Every structure is written in structure tokens, then in C-alpha cells.
Amino acid sequence: MVVNLTHENFEEEIINSKTPVIIDFWASWCGPCQMMKPVFEDLSLEYKGKLKFAKLDTEENELLTMKFGIMGIPTLIILKNSKEVGRIVGFNTKENLRQKINEILY
């Protein structure tokens, strides 16, 4: 399951999360972001209970986008205990993304 983040639910979903979180910063006009969507959703099922998957629309949440210093999309940020532990920029295949997540978390 992928959570859609907004400024309103960010603290509840991310800051208070007991499990690590991966946030996909994306926009509707971004082709690579659209290609990443099914990869991200598939992996959310594989990591259920181990890693929370969340998406943040950069156009609707500019303050959060700036807070994380997002320069290009798609950008995936992995947070553990509310601290950034990894950043993955650009489209990745499912296999590549799985490998990068595992390198960062385990």
C-alpha cells in the first residue's frame, strides 16, 4: 500500500512512523515518474511491514519539496527515525531499486 502524502498528514505518516519510510517525490507531467509508479507500487507489496511507501506530489507540496532539497524528479528518499539515510534519483527498474533499498537499509 502506498500512502499519498500532503502537508497535513506528513507528520502523522512520516515523522511518527515506527518503520523506515521511502518517499517518492513526483509530478504528473514527469514521464520517468509515471514509469516509476508501477515499480514503486509493486515493491510496496514486497516490503509490507518492513518499509512504508509514500508518494509526494511536488506540485501540490512545494514547501516539503524545498525542505528536502529536491532538485530533480523522480527522487526517492529513505528515512529512518525521521532522518534521511538514502537518496535515489531518477528512474530505476524494480531489480535495481530493490538492490538500492537493501543496500541502504540492511
PDB file of N, CA and C in Angstrom:
ATOM      1  N   MET A   1       0.839  -1.189   0.000  1.00  0.00           N
ATOM      2  CA  MET A   1       0.000   0.000   0.000  1.00  0.00           C
ATOM      3  C   MET A   1       0.881   1.249   0.000  1.00  0.00           C
ATOM      4  N   VAL A   2       0.546   2.194  -0.841  1.00  0.00           N
ATOM      5  CA  VAL A   2       1.289   3.440  -0.953  1.00  0.00           C
ATOM      6  C   VAL A   2       0.439   4.573  -0.382  1.00  0.00           C
ATOM      7  N   VAL A   3       1.023   5.354   0.526  1.00  0.00           N
ATOM      8  CA  VAL A   3       0.341   6.480   1.156  1.00  0.00           C
ATOM      9  C   VAL A   3       0.591   7.736   0.322  1.00  0.00           C
ATOM     10  N   ASN A   4      -0.466   8.496   0.063  1.00  0.00           N
ATOM     11  CA  ASN A   4      -0.313   9.786  -0.607  1.00  0.00           C
ATOM     12  C   ASN A   4      -0.101  10.855   0.451  1.00  0.00           C
ATOM     13  N   LEU A   5       1.062  11.495   0.397  1.00  0.00           N
ATOM     14  CA  LEU A   5       1.412  12.488   1.405  1.00  0.00           C
ATOM     15  C   LEU A   5       0.929  13.876   1.036  1.00  0.00           C
ATOM     16  N   THR A   6       0.565  14.614   2.077  1.00  0.00           N
ATOM     17  CA  THR A   6       0.245  16.029   1.956  1.00  0.00           C
ATOM     18  C   THR A   6       0.914  16.722   3.135  1.00  0.00           C
ATOM     19  N   HIS A   7       0.895  18.033   3.109  1.00  0.00           N
ATOM     20  CA  HIS A   7       1.437  18.784   4.242  1.00  0.00           C
ATOM     21  C   HIS A   7       0.681  18.419   5.529  1.00  0.00           C
ATOM     22  N   GLU A   8      -0.619  18.149   5.383  1.00  0.00           N
ATOM     23  CA  GLU A   8      -1.463  17.868   6.549  1.00  0.00           C
ATOM     24  C   GLU A   8      -1.158  16.524   7.206  1.00  0.00           C
ATOM     25  N   ASN A   9      -0.857  15.476   6.417  1.00  0.00           N
ATOM     26  CA  ASN A   9      -0.643  14.153   7.020  1.00  0.00           C
ATOM     27  C   ASN A   9       0.837  13.782   7.140  1.00  0.00           C
ATOM     28  N   PHE A  10       1.737  14.696   6.781  1.00  0.00           N
ATOM     29  CA  PHE A  10       3.165  14.377   6.751  1.00  0.00           C
ATOM     30  C   PHE A  10       3.688  13.941   8.121  1.00  0.00           C
ATOM     31  N   GLU A  11       3.381  14.700   9.156  1.00  0.00           N
ATOM     32  CA  GLU A  11       3.890  14.369  10.488  1.00  0.00           C
ATOM     33  C   GLU A  11       3.375  13.012  10.953  1.00  0.00           C
ATOM     34  N   GLU A  12       2.087  12.792  10.797  1.00  0.00           N
ATOM     35  CA  GLU A  12       1.483  11.528  11.231  1.00  0.00           C
ATOM     36  C   GLU A  12       2.080  10.337  10.482  1.00  0.00           C
ATOM     37  N   GLU A  13       2.207  10.441   9.163  1.00  0.00           N
ATOM     38  CA  GLU A  13       2.651   9.315   8.340  1.00  0.00           C
ATOM     39  C   GLU A  13       4.168   9.116   8.348  1.00  0.00           C
ATOM     40  N   ILE A  14       4.935  10.194   8.436  1.00  0.00           N
ATOM     41  CA  ILE A  14       6.385  10.105   8.288  1.00  0.00           C
ATOM     42  C   ILE A  14       7.112  10.286   9.617  1.00  0.00           C
ATOM     43  N   ILE A  15       6.908  11.402  10.271  1.00  0.00           N
ATOM     44  CA  ILE A  15       7.644  11.706  11.498  1.00  0.00           C
ATOM     45  C   ILE A  15       7.330  10.687  12.590  1.00  0.00           C
ATOM     46  N   ASN A  16       6.076  10.287  12.702  1.00  0.00           N
ATOM     47  CA  ASN A  16       5.674   9.356  13.761  1.00  0.00           C
ATOM     48  C   ASN A  16       5.763   7.891  13.352  1.00  0.00           C
ATOM     49  N   SER A  17       6.301   7.603  12.180  1.00  0.00           N
ATOM     50  CA  SER A  17       6.354   6.220  11.692  1.00  0.00           C
ATOM     51  C   SER A  17       7.381   5.395  12.476  1.00  0.00           C
ATOM     52  N   LYS A  18       6.964   4.223  12.896  1.00  0.00           N
ATOM     53  CA  LYS A  18       7.861   3.302  13.619  1.00  0.00           C
ATOM     54  C   LYS A  18       8.761   2.530  12.651  1.00  0.00           C
ATOM     55  N   THR A  19       8.335   2.427  11.384  1.00  0.00           N
ATOM     56  CA  THR A  19       9.126   1.710  10.385  1.00  0.00           C
ATOM     57  C   THR A  19       9.805   2.732   9.467  1.00  0.00           C
ATOM     58  N   PRO A  20      10.900   2.343   8.825  1.00  0.00           N
ATOM     59  CA  PRO A  20      11.517   3.239   7.845  1.00  0.00           C
ATOM     60  C   PRO A  20      10.521   3.578   6.741  1.00  0.00           C
ATOM     61  N   VAL A  21      10.739   4.724   6.083  1.00  0.00           N
ATOM     62  CA  VAL A  21       9.830   5.222   5.061  1.00  0.00           C
ATOM     63  C   VAL A  21      10.619   5.546   3.802  1.00  0.00           C
ATOM     64  N   ILE A  22      10.033   5.231   2.646  1.00  0.00           N
ATOM     65  CA  ILE A  22      10.591   5.691   1.376  1.00  0.00           C
ATOM     66  C   ILE A  22       9.558   6.608   0.735  1.00  0.00           C
ATOM     67  N   ILE A  23      10.000   7.823   0.398  1.00  0.00           N
ATOM     68  CA  ILE A  23       9.106   8.818  -0.197  1.00  0.00           C
ATOM     69  C   ILE A  23       9.492   9.005  -1.656  1.00  0.00           C
ATOM     70  N   ASP A  24       8.511   8.896  -2.531  1.00  0.00           N
ATOM     71  CA  ASP A  24       8.684   9.147  -3.961  1.00  0.00           C
ATOM     72  C   ASP A  24       8.206  10.565  -4.242  1.00  0.00           C
ATOM     73  N   PHE A  25       9.150  11.460  -4.561  1.00  0.00           N
ATOM     74  CA  PHE A  25       8.817  12.820  -4.964  1.00  0.00           C
ATOM     75  C   PHE A  25       8.584  12.795  -6.472  1.00  0.00           C
ATOM     76  N   TRP A  26       7.391  13.190  -6.920  1.00  0.00           N
ATOM     77  CA  TRP A  26       6.993  13.028  -8.312  1.00  0.00           C
ATOM     78  C   TRP A  26       6.099  14.190  -8.751  1.00  0.00           C
ATOM     79  N   ALA A  27       5.800  14.217 -10.053  1.00  0.00           N
ATOM     80  CA  ALA A  27       4.824  15.165 -10.608  1.00  0.00           C
ATOM     81  C   ALA A  27       4.111  14.491 -11.769  1.00  0.00           C
ATOM     82  N   SER A  28       2.876  14.916 -12.029  1.00  0.00           N
ATOM     83  CA  SER A  28       2.053  14.279 -13.056  1.00  0.00           C
ATOM     84  C   SER A  28       2.625  14.456 -14.464  1.00  0.00           C
ATOM     85  N   TRP A  29       3.342  15.540 -14.726  1.00  0.00           N
ATOM     86  CA  TRP A  29       3.889  15.811 -16.056  1.00  0.00           C
ATOM     87  C   TRP A  29       5.222  15.099 -16.314  1.00  0.00           C
ATOM     88  N   CYS A  30       5.768  14.414 -15.309  1.00  0.00           N
ATOM     89  CA  CYS A  30       7.104  13.801 -15.392  1.00  0.00           C
ATOM     90  C   CYS A  30       7.011  12.364 -15.925  1.00  0.00           C
ATOM     91  N   GLY A  31       7.525  12.140 -17.148  1.00  0.00           N
ATOM     92  CA  GLY A  31       7.491  10.812 -17.761  1.00  0.00           C
ATOM     93  C   GLY A  31       8.176   9.738 -16.934  1.00  0.00           C
ATOM     94  N   PRO A  32       9.436   9.959 -16.484  1.00  0.00           N
ATOM     95  CA  PRO A  32      10.102   8.951 -15.659  1.00  0.00           C
ATOM     96  C   PRO A  32       9.354   8.671 -14.345  1.00  0.00           C
ATOM     97  N   CYS A  33       8.657   9.692 -13.820  1.00  0.00           N
ATOM     98  CA  CYS A  33       7.861   9.493 -12.596  1.00  0.00           C
ATOM     99  C   CYS A  33       6.714   8.513 -12.871  1.00  0.00           C
ATOM    100  N   GLN A  34       6.093   8.642 -14.033  1.00  0.00           N
ATOM    101  CA  GLN A  34       4.992   7.754 -14.393  1.00  0.00           C
ATOM    102  C   GLN A  34       5.503   6.327 -14.599  1.00  0.00           C
ATOM    103  N   MET A  35       6.715   6.191 -15.145  1.00  0.00           N
ATOM    104  CA  MET A  35       7.316   4.865 -15.320  1.00  0.00           C
ATOM    105  C   MET A  35       7.657   4.243 -13.965  1.00  0.00           C
ATOM    106  N   MET A  36       7.999   5.070 -12.981  1.00  0.00           N
ATOM    107  CA  MET A  36       8.377   4.591 -11.654  1.00  0.00           C
ATOM    108  C   MET A  36       7.169   4.126 -10.850  1.00  0.00           C
ATOM    109  N   LYS A  37       5.991   4.643 -11.155  1.00  0.00           N
ATOM    110  CA  LYS A  37       4.788   4.357 -10.364  1.00  0.00           C
ATOM    111  C   LYS A  37       4.521   2.855 -10.189  1.00  0.00           C
ATOM    112  N   PRO A  38       4.456   2.028 -11.260  1.00  0.00           N
ATOM    113  CA  PRO A  38       4.181   0.599 -11.046  1.00  0.00           C
ATOM    114  C   PRO A  38       5.317  -0.120 -10.320  1.00  0.00           C
ATOM    115  N   VAL A  39       6.557   0.308 -10.535  1.00  0.00           N
ATOM    116  CA  VAL A  39       7.709  -0.283  -9.833  1.00  0.00           C
ATOM    117  C   VAL A  39       7.570  -0.027  -8.338  1.00  0.00           C
ATOM    118  N   PHE A  40       7.268   1.213  -7.980  1.00  0.00           N
ATOM    119  CA  PHE A  40       7.116   1.624  -6.583  1.00  0.00           C
ATOM    120  C   PHE A  40       5.972   0.867  -5.921  1.00  0.00           C
ATOM    121  N   GLU A  41       4.851   0.753  -6.632  1.00  0.00           N
ATOM    122  CA  GLU A  41       3.683   0.055  -6.071  1.00  0.00           C
ATOM    123  C   GLU A  41       3.963  -1.437  -5.879  1.00  0.00           C
ATOM    124  N   ASP A  42       4.632  -2.068  -6.844  1.00  0.00           N
ATOM    125  CA  ASP A  42       4.979  -3.494  -6.711  1.00  0.00           C
ATOM    126  C   ASP A  42       5.881  -3.731  -5.507  1.00  0.00           C
ATOM    127  N   LEU A  43       6.900  -2.886  -5.351  1.00  0.00           N
ATOM    128  CA  LEU A  43       7.826  -3.066  -4.234  1.00  0.00           C
ATOM    129  C   LEU A  43       7.163  -2.780  -2.894  1.00  0.00           C
ATOM    130  N   SER A  44       6.143  -1.927  -2.891  1.00  0.00           N
ATOM    131  CA  SER A  44       5.445  -1.650  -1.624  1.00  0.00           C
ATOM    132  C   SER A  44       4.808  -2.923  -1.073  1.00  0.00           C
ATOM    133  N   LEU A  45       4.402  -3.824  -1.959  1.00  0.00           N
ATOM    134  CA  LEU A  45       3.820  -5.101  -1.515  1.00  0.00           C
ATOM    135  C   LEU A  45       4.911  -6.028  -0.973  1.00  0.00           C
ATOM    136  N   GLU A  46       6.069  -6.030  -1.627  1.00  0.00           N
ATOM    137  CA  GLU A  46       7.186  -6.879  -1.184  1.00  0.00           C
ATOM    138  C   GLU A  46       7.705  -6.482   0.192  1.00  0.00           C
ATOM    139  N   TYR A  47       7.737  -5.195   0.481  1.00  0.00           N
ATOM    140  CA  TYR A  47       8.320  -4.693   1.723  1.00  0.00           C
ATOM    141  C   TYR A  47       7.269  -4.403   2.799  1.00  0.00           C
ATOM    142  N   LYS A  48       6.061  -4.896   2.590  1.00  0.00           N
ATOM    143  CA  LYS A  48       4.967  -4.626   3.528  1.00  0.00           C
ATOM    144  C   LYS A  48       5.391  -4.982   4.956  1.00  0.00           C
ATOM    145  N   GLY A  49       5.213  -4.033   5.872  1.00  0.00           N
ATOM    146  CA  GLY A  49       5.568  -4.238   7.267  1.00  0.00           C
ATOM    147  C   GLY A  49       7.028  -3.930   7.582  1.00  0.00           C
ATOM    148  N   LYS A  50       7.870  -3.803   6.561  1.00  0.00           N
ATOM    149  CA  LYS A  50       9.295  -3.521   6.769  1.00  0.00           C
ATOM    150  C   LYS A  50       9.680  -2.109   6.346  1.00  0.00           C
ATOM    151  N   LEU A  51       8.933  -1.567   5.374  1.00  0.00           N
ATOM    152  CA  LEU A  51       9.233  -0.254   4.822  1.00  0.00           C
ATOM    153  C   LEU A  51       7.921   0.371   4.352  1.00  0.00           C
ATOM    154  N   LYS A  52       7.631   1.582   4.838  1.00  0.00           N
ATOM    155  CA  LYS A  52       6.413   2.291   4.429  1.00  0.00           C
ATOM    156  C   LYS A  52       6.700   3.047   3.137  1.00  0.00           C
ATOM    157  N   PHE A  53       5.828   2.904   2.157  1.00  0.00           N
ATOM    158  CA  PHE A  53       5.967   3.563   0.867  1.00  0.00           C
ATOM    159  C   PHE A  53       4.995   4.737   0.793  1.00  0.00           C
ATOM    160  N   ALA A  54       5.524   5.904   0.413  1.00  0.00           N
ATOM    161  CA  ALA A  54       4.702   7.108   0.343  1.00  0.00           C
ATOM    162  C   ALA A  54       5.076   7.910  -0.898  1.00  0.00           C
ATOM    163  N   LYS A  55       4.082   8.614  -1.452  1.00  0.00           N
ATOM    164  CA  LYS A  55       4.299   9.461  -2.628  1.00  0.00           C
ATOM    165  C   LYS A  55       3.955  10.896  -2.252  1.00  0.00           C
ATOM    166  N   LEU A  56       4.759  11.829  -2.777  1.00  0.00           N
ATOM    167  CA  LEU A  56       4.512  13.236  -2.520  1.00  0.00           C
ATOM    168  C   LEU A  56       4.540  13.987  -3.848  1.00  0.00           C
ATOM    169  N   ASP A  57       3.413  14.582  -4.211  1.00  0.00           N
ATOM    170  CA  ASP A  57       3.301  15.359  -5.446  1.00  0.00           C
ATOM    171  C   ASP A  57       4.023  16.685  -5.234  1.00  0.00           C
ATOM    172  N   THR A  58       5.104  16.898  -5.980  1.00  0.00           N
ATOM    173  CA  THR A  58       5.932  18.086  -5.791  1.00  0.00           C
ATOM    174  C   THR A  58       5.201  19.378  -6.160  1.00  0.00           C
ATOM    175  N   GLU A  59       4.240  19.287  -7.049  1.00  0.00           N
ATOM    176  CA  GLU A  59       3.492  20.472  -7.473  1.00  0.00           C
ATOM    177  C   GLU A  59       2.514  20.934  -6.390  1.00  0.00           C
ATOM    178  N   GLU A  60       1.958  19.987  -5.650  1.00  0.00           N
ATOM    179  CA  GLU A  60       0.966  20.321  -4.627  1.00  0.00           C
ATOM    180  C   GLU A  60       1.591  20.556  -3.262  1.00  0.00           C
ATOM    181  N   ASN A  61       2.862  20.199  -3.103  1.00  0.00           N
ATOM    182  CA  ASN A  61       3.527  20.286  -1.799  1.00  0.00           C
ATOM    183  C   ASN A  61       4.912  20.917  -1.947  1.00  0.00           C
ATOM    184  N   GLU A  62       4.922  22.148  -2.422  1.00  0.00           N
ATOM    185  CA  GLU A  62       6.185  22.820  -2.720  1.00  0.00           C
ATOM    186  C   GLU A  62       7.058  23.030  -1.488  1.00  0.00           C
ATOM    187  N   LEU A  63       6.452  23.318  -0.326  1.00  0.00           N
ATOM    188  CA  LEU A  63       7.256  23.550   0.875  1.00  0.00           C
ATOM    189  C   LEU A  63       8.011  22.290   1.297  1.00  0.00           C
ATOM    190  N   LEU A  64       7.346  21.148   1.255  1.00  0.00           N
ATOM    191  CA  LEU A  64       8.025  19.897   1.609  1.00  0.00           C
ATOM    192  C   LEU A  64       9.079  19.541   0.570  1.00  0.00           C
ATOM    193  N   THR A  65       8.797  19.821  -0.693  1.00  0.00           N
ATOM    194  CA  THR A  65       9.763  19.568  -1.760  1.00  0.00           C
ATOM    195  C   THR A  65      11.027  20.389  -1.517  1.00  0.00           C
ATOM    196  N   MET A  66      10.858  21.662  -1.161  1.00  0.00           N
ATOM    197  CA  MET A  66      12.009  22.527  -0.877  1.00  0.00           C
ATOM    198  C   MET A  66      12.731  22.084   0.390  1.00  0.00           C
ATOM    199  N   LYS A  67      11.970  21.679   1.404  1.00  0.00           N
ATOM    200  CA  LYS A  67      12.576  21.251   2.677  1.00  0.00           C
ATOM    201  C   LYS A  67      13.559  20.104   2.452  1.00  0.00           C
ATOM    202  N   PHE A  68      13.231  19.203   1.533  1.00  0.00           N
ATOM    203  CA  PHE A  68      14.095  18.062   1.262  1.00  0.00           C
ATOM    204  C   PHE A  68      15.132  18.347   0.166  1.00  0.00           C
ATOM    205  N   GLY A  69      15.133  19.560  -0.360  1.00  0.00           N
ATOM    206  CA  GLY A  69      16.131  19.933  -1.354  1.00  0.00           C
ATOM    207  C   GLY A  69      16.034  19.146  -2.647  1.00  0.00           C
ATOM    208  N   ILE A  70      14.807  18.887  -3.082  1.00  0.00           N
ATOM    209  CA  ILE A  70      14.602  18.114  -4.304  1.00  0.00           C
ATOM    210  C   ILE A  70      14.949  18.989  -5.510  1.00  0.00           C
ATOM    211  N   MET A  71      15.917  18.512  -6.326  1.00  0.00           N
ATOM    212  CA  MET A  71      16.364  19.268  -7.493  1.00  0.00           C
ATOM    213  C   MET A  71      15.841  18.657  -8.796  1.00  0.00           C
ATOM    214  N   GLY A  72      15.549  17.360  -8.791  1.00  0.00           N
ATOM    215  CA  GLY A  72      15.037  16.679  -9.969  1.00  0.00           C
ATOM    216  C   GLY A  72      14.129  15.551  -9.535  1.00  0.00           C
ATOM    217  N   ILE A  73      13.239  15.143 -10.433  1.00  0.00           N
ATOM    218  CA  ILE A  73      12.326  14.055 -10.094  1.00  0.00           C
ATOM    219  C   ILE A  73      12.355  13.012 -11.202  1.00  0.00           C
ATOM    220  N   PRO A  74      12.058  11.769 -10.889  1.00  0.00           N
ATOM    221  CA  PRO A  74      11.709  11.282  -9.560  1.00  0.00           C
ATOM    222  C   PRO A  74      12.927  11.220  -8.638  1.00  0.00           C
ATOM    223  N   THR A  75      12.699  11.558  -7.378  1.00  0.00           N
ATOM    224  CA  THR A  75      13.690  11.375  -6.320  1.00  0.00           C
ATOM    225  C   THR A  75      13.024  10.575  -5.217  1.00  0.00           C
ATOM    226  N   LEU A  76      13.706   9.529  -4.773  1.00  0.00           N
ATOM    227  CA  LEU A  76      13.219   8.706  -3.669  1.00  0.00           C
ATOM    228  C   LEU A  76      14.127   8.961  -2.475  1.00  0.00           C
ATOM    229  N   ILE A  77      13.534   9.243  -1.332  1.00  0.00           N
ATOM    230  CA  ILE A  77      14.302   9.464  -0.110  1.00  0.00           C
ATOM    231  C   ILE A  77      13.868   8.436   0.916  1.00  0.00           C
ATOM    232  N   ILE A  78      14.854   7.780   1.525  1.00  0.00           N
ATOM    233  CA  ILE A  78      14.575   6.804   2.580  1.00  0.00           C
ATOM    234  C   ILE A  78      14.889   7.456   3.916  1.00  0.00           C
ATOM    235  N   LEU A  79      13.906   7.408   4.820  1.00  0.00           N
ATOM    236  CA  LEU A  79      14.040   7.974   6.160  1.00  0.00           C
ATOM    237  C   LEU A  79      13.954   6.860   7.192  1.00  0.00           C
ATOM    238  N   LYS A  80      14.815   6.929   8.178  1.00  0.00           N
ATOM    239  CA  LYS A  80      14.783   6.001   9.305  1.00  0.00           C
ATOM    240  C   LYS A  80      14.825   6.863  10.555  1.00  0.00           C
ATOM    241  N   ASN A  81      13.850   6.703  11.447  1.00  0.00           N
ATOM    242  CA  ASN A  81      13.734   7.557  12.629  1.00  0.00           C
ATOM    243  C   ASN A  81      13.727   9.037  12.243  1.00  0.00           C
ATOM    244  N   SER A  82      13.003   9.352  11.178  1.00  0.00           N
ATOM    245  CA  SER A  82      12.828  10.720  10.664  1.00  0.00           C
ATOM    246  C   SER A  82      14.096  11.343  10.090  1.00  0.00           C
ATOM    247  N   LYS A  83      15.157  10.576   9.934  1.00  0.00           N
ATOM    248  CA  LYS A  83      16.403  11.102   9.368  1.00  0.00           C
ATOM    249  C   LYS A  83      16.681  10.449   8.020  1.00  0.00           C
ATOM    250  N   GLU A  84      17.141  11.253   7.063  1.00  0.00           N
ATOM    251  CA  GLU A  84      17.452  10.728   5.739  1.00  0.00           C
ATOM    252  C   GLU A  84      18.653   9.792   5.818  1.00  0.00           C
ATOM    253  N   VAL A  85      18.472   8.575   5.301  1.00  0.00           N
ATOM    254  CA  VAL A  85      19.564   7.591   5.271  1.00  0.00           C
ATOM    255  C   VAL A  85      19.936   7.205   3.848  1.00  0.00           C
ATOM    256  N   GLY A  86      19.139   7.656   2.872  1.00  0.00           N
ATOM    257  CA  GLY A  86      19.441   7.347   1.485  1.00  0.00           C
ATOM    258  C   GLY A  86      18.613   8.174   0.531  1.00  0.00           C
ATOM    259  N   ARG A  87      19.203   8.400  -0.672  1.00  0.00           N
ATOM    260  CA  ARG A  87      18.531   9.182  -1.712  1.00  0.00           C
ATOM    261  C   ARG A  87      18.826   8.508  -3.045  1.00  0.00           C
ATOM    262  N   ILE A  88      17.764   8.254  -3.806  1.00  0.00           N
ATOM    263  CA  ILE A  88      17.867   7.600  -5.109  1.00  0.00           C
ATOM    264  C   ILE A  88      17.208   8.532  -6.125  1.00  0.00           C
ATOM    265  N   VAL A  89      17.987   8.968  -7.124  1.00  0.00           N
ATOM    266  CA  VAL A  89      17.482   9.936  -8.097  1.00  0.00           C
ATOM    267  C   VAL A  89      17.337   9.262  -9.459  1.00  0.00           C
ATOM    268  N   GLY A  90      16.208   9.529 -10.107  1.00  0.00           N
ATOM    269  CA  GLY A  90      15.978   9.010 -11.446  1.00  0.00           C
ATOM    270  C   GLY A  90      15.212   7.696 -11.444  1.00  0.00           C
ATOM    271  N   PHE A  91      14.781   7.299 -12.640  1.00  0.00           N
ATOM    272  CA  PHE A  91      14.039   6.053 -12.793  1.00  0.00           C
ATOM    273  C   PHE A  91      14.952   4.858 -12.537  1.00  0.00           C
ATOM    274  N   ASN A  92      14.417   3.835 -11.889  1.00  0.00           N
ATOM    275  CA  ASN A  92      15.123   2.572 -11.656  1.00  0.00           C
ATOM    276  C   ASN A  92      14.185   1.421 -11.973  1.00  0.00           C
ATOM    277  N   THR A  93      14.753   0.347 -12.488  1.00  0.00           N
ATOM    278  CA  THR A  93      13.954  -0.858 -12.664  1.00  0.00           C
ATOM    279  C   THR A  93      13.647  -1.427 -11.285  1.00  0.00           C
ATOM    280  N   LYS A  94      12.715  -2.354 -11.240  1.00  0.00           N
ATOM    281  CA  LYS A  94      12.343  -2.977  -9.972  1.00  0.00           C
ATOM    282  C   LYS A  94      13.549  -3.646  -9.313  1.00  0.00           C
ATOM    283  N   GLU A  95      14.339  -4.365 -10.107  1.00  0.00           N
ATOM    284  CA  GLU A  95      15.506  -5.067  -9.570  1.00  0.00           C
ATOM    285  C   GLU A  95      16.538  -4.080  -9.024  1.00  0.00           C
ATOM    286  N   ASN A  96      16.808  -3.013  -9.786  1.00  0.00           N
ATOM    287  CA  ASN A  96      17.779  -2.004  -9.336  1.00  0.00           C
ATOM    288  C   ASN A  96      17.306  -1.302  -8.070  1.00  0.00           C
ATOM    289  N   LEU A  97      16.029  -0.943  -8.037  1.00  0.00           N
ATOM    290  CA  LEU A  97      15.501  -0.241  -6.871  1.00  0.00           C
ATOM    291  C   LEU A  97      15.528  -1.148  -5.646  1.00  0.00           C
ATOM    292  N   ARG A  98      15.159  -2.406  -5.806  1.00  0.00           N
ATOM    293  CA  ARG A  98      15.212  -3.360  -4.691  1.00  0.00           C
ATOM    294  C   ARG A  98      16.637  -3.448  -4.139  1.00  0.00           C
ATOM    295  N   GLN A  99      17.612  -3.552  -5.033  1.00  0.00           N
ATOM    296  CA  GLN A  99      19.015  -3.650  -4.618  1.00  0.00           C
ATOM    297  C   GLN A  99      19.448  -2.395  -3.849  1.00  0.00           C
ATOM    298  N   LYS A 100      19.079  -1.220  -4.351  1.00  0.00           N
ATOM    299  CA  LYS A 100      19.465   0.025  -3.683  1.00  0.00           C
ATOM    300  C   LYS A 100      18.805   0.163  -2.315  1.00  0.00           C
ATOM    301  N   ILE A 101      17.529  -0.219  -2.221  1.00  0.00           N
ATOM    302  CA  ILE A 101      16.835  -0.178  -0.933  1.00  0.00           C
ATOM    303  C   ILE A 101      17.540  -1.095   0.058  1.00  0.00           C
ATOM    304  N   ASN A 102      17.855  -2.304  -0.375  1.00  0.00           N
ATOM    305  CA  ASN A 102      18.511  -3.257   0.521  1.00  0.00           C
ATOM    306  C   ASN A 102      19.886  -2.773   0.952  1.00  0.00           C
ATOM    307  N   GLU A 103      20.638  -2.140   0.041  1.00  0.00           N
ATOM    308  CA  GLU A 103      21.957  -1.599   0.396  1.00  0.00           C
ATOM    309  C   GLU A 103      21.835  -0.514   1.448  1.00  0.00           C
ATOM    310  N   ILE A 104      20.809   0.305   1.342  1.00  0.00           N
ATOM    311  CA  ILE A 104      20.622   1.409   2.284  1.00  0.00           C
ATOM    312  C   ILE A 104      20.119   0.916   3.628  1.00  0.00           C
ATOM    313  N   LEU A 105      19.176  -0.017   3.631  1.00  0.00           N
ATOM    314  CA  LEU A 105      18.524  -0.428   4.876  1.00  0.00           C
ATOM    315  C   LEU A 105      19.202  -1.586   5.605  1.00  0.00           C
ATOM    316  N   TYR A 106      19.885  -2.469   4.865  1.00  0.00           N
ATOM    317  CA  TYR A 106      20.375  -3.689   5.525  1.00  0.00           C
ATOM    318  C   TYR A 106      21.871  -3.846   5.456  1.00  0.00           C
TER     319      TYR A 106
END
